[in-house]
């Protein structure tokens, strides 16, 4: 009985495209290294802070005796609408004042 020898296959590594890959990498690093400027001066740019403006609310209060107060001032109920309108217009004239109605 004759046994056959196993034929070992040859393994090949295809390096045909290796030259192209190395060339592309070389070009990439050459281009990016010329774009990097070592003479750049780092500048500390100031950063903005949060807006610390105080809220300006119009507070209307009514006590037990049906007296109307705008802030701490006693107000005639018939004049309340016009006083609120004047105060809102005064606040609108101020720059960047948000207006909220509840």
Protein backbone atom coordinates (compact mmCIF):
# COMPACT_ATOMS: atom_id res chain seq x y z
CA UNK A 1 0.00 0.00 0.00
CA UNK A 2 1.44 3.25 -1.12
CA UNK A 3 0.64 6.39 0.90
CA UNK A 4 0.54 9.69 -0.81
CA UNK A 5 2.41 12.61 0.55
CA UNK A 6 0.31 15.58 1.46
CA UNK A 7 0.84 18.45 -0.85
CA UNK A 8 1.37 21.59 1.14
CA UNK A 9 -0.11 24.71 -0.38
CA UNK A 10 1.97 27.78 -0.64
CA UNK A 11 0.70 30.89 1.08
CA UNK A 12 1.26 34.16 -0.71
CA UNK A 13 1.01 37.63 0.71
CA UNK A 14 -0.02 40.06 -1.96
CA UNK A 15 1.99 43.22 -1.50
CA UNK A 16 1.06 44.80 -4.80
CA UNK A 17 -1.10 47.51 -3.20
CA UNK A 18 1.30 48.08 -0.30
CA UNK A 19 3.22 50.66 -2.30
CA UNK A 20 0.03 52.62 -2.94
CA UNK A 21 -0.95 52.58 0.73
CA UNK A 22 2.48 53.76 1.87
CA UNK A 23 2.48 56.53 -0.74
CA UNK A 24 -0.95 57.77 0.38
CA UNK A 25 0.11 57.74 4.05
CA UNK A 26 3.31 59.58 3.21
CA UNK A 27 1.41 62.27 1.31
CA UNK A 28 -1.13 62.60 4.13
CA UNK A 29 1.54 63.18 6.78
CA UNK A 30 3.48 65.59 4.56
CA UNK A 31 0.40 67.70 3.89
CA UNK A 32 -0.83 67.75 7.49
CA UNK A 33 2.63 68.57 8.85
CA UNK A 34 2.90 71.61 6.59
CA UNK A 35 -0.54 72.81 7.71
CA UNK A 36 0.46 72.70 11.38
CA UNK A 37 2.02 76.06 12.15
CA UNK A 38 4.34 75.93 15.19
CA UNK A 39 4.45 79.74 15.39
CA UNK A 40 0.84 80.06 16.53
CA UNK A 41 0.33 82.20 19.63
CA UNK A 42 -2.25 80.86 22.05
CA UNK A 43 -4.61 83.61 23.17
CA UNK A 44 -6.83 83.42 26.24
CA UNK A 45 -10.23 84.51 25.01
CA UNK A 46 -12.52 85.93 27.71
CA UNK A 47 -15.62 83.93 28.38
CA UNK A 48 -19.03 85.40 29.03
CA UNK A 49 -20.67 85.09 32.41
CA UNK A 50 -24.23 84.34 33.25
CA UNK A 51 -26.69 87.16 33.14
CA UNK A 52 -26.95 88.44 36.71
CA UNK A 53 -29.71 90.92 36.09
CA UNK A 54 -32.32 91.13 38.82
CA UNK A 55 -35.85 90.16 37.94
CA UNK A 56 -38.23 93.07 37.88
CA UNK A 57 -41.66 91.89 38.87
CA UNK A 58 -44.84 93.88 39.24
CA UNK A 59 -46.43 92.71 42.46
CA UNK A 60 -50.12 93.43 43.07
CA UNK A 61 -51.50 92.57 46.52
CA UNK A 62 -54.95 92.74 48.06
CA UNK A 63 -55.38 92.75 51.83
CA UNK A 64 -58.39 91.76 53.96
CA UNK A 65 -59.95 95.18 53.70
CA UNK A 66 -59.90 95.02 49.86
CA UNK A 67 -57.07 97.56 49.63
CA UNK A 68 -54.95 97.18 46.48
CA UNK A 69 -51.18 97.53 46.69
CA UNK A 70 -48.77 97.83 43.82
CA UNK A 71 -45.46 96.88 45.39
CA UNK A 72 -45.63 98.61 48.79
CA UNK A 73 -47.76 101.52 47.59
CA UNK A 74 -51.52 101.77 48.23
CA UNK A 75 -53.31 102.18 44.89
CA UNK A 76 -56.84 103.15 43.94
CA UNK A 77 -58.51 100.08 42.31
CA UNK A 78 -59.89 102.26 39.50
CA UNK A 79 -56.37 103.43 38.57
CA UNK A 80 -54.80 99.97 38.85
CA UNK A 81 -55.16 99.12 35.13
CA UNK A 82 -53.51 102.33 33.98
CA UNK A 83 -50.70 102.02 36.55
CA UNK A 84 -49.97 98.45 35.45
CA UNK A 85 -49.97 99.57 31.81
CA UNK A 86 -47.51 102.38 32.60
CA UNK A 87 -45.22 100.04 34.53
CA UNK A 88 -45.24 97.45 31.74
CA UNK A 89 -44.38 100.11 29.17
CA UNK A 90 -41.56 101.37 31.37
CA UNK A 91 -40.13 97.85 31.61
CA UNK A 92 -40.52 97.31 27.86
CA UNK A 93 -38.35 100.33 27.18
CA UNK A 94 -35.50 98.76 29.10
CA UNK A 95 -33.29 96.70 26.81
CA UNK A 96 -33.62 92.90 26.94
CA UNK A 97 -36.25 92.78 29.65
CA UNK A 98 -38.34 89.63 29.27
CA UNK A 99 -42.06 90.09 29.73
CA UNK A 100 -44.10 87.26 31.23
CA UNK A 101 -47.81 87.26 31.83
CA UNK A 102 -49.39 84.81 34.24
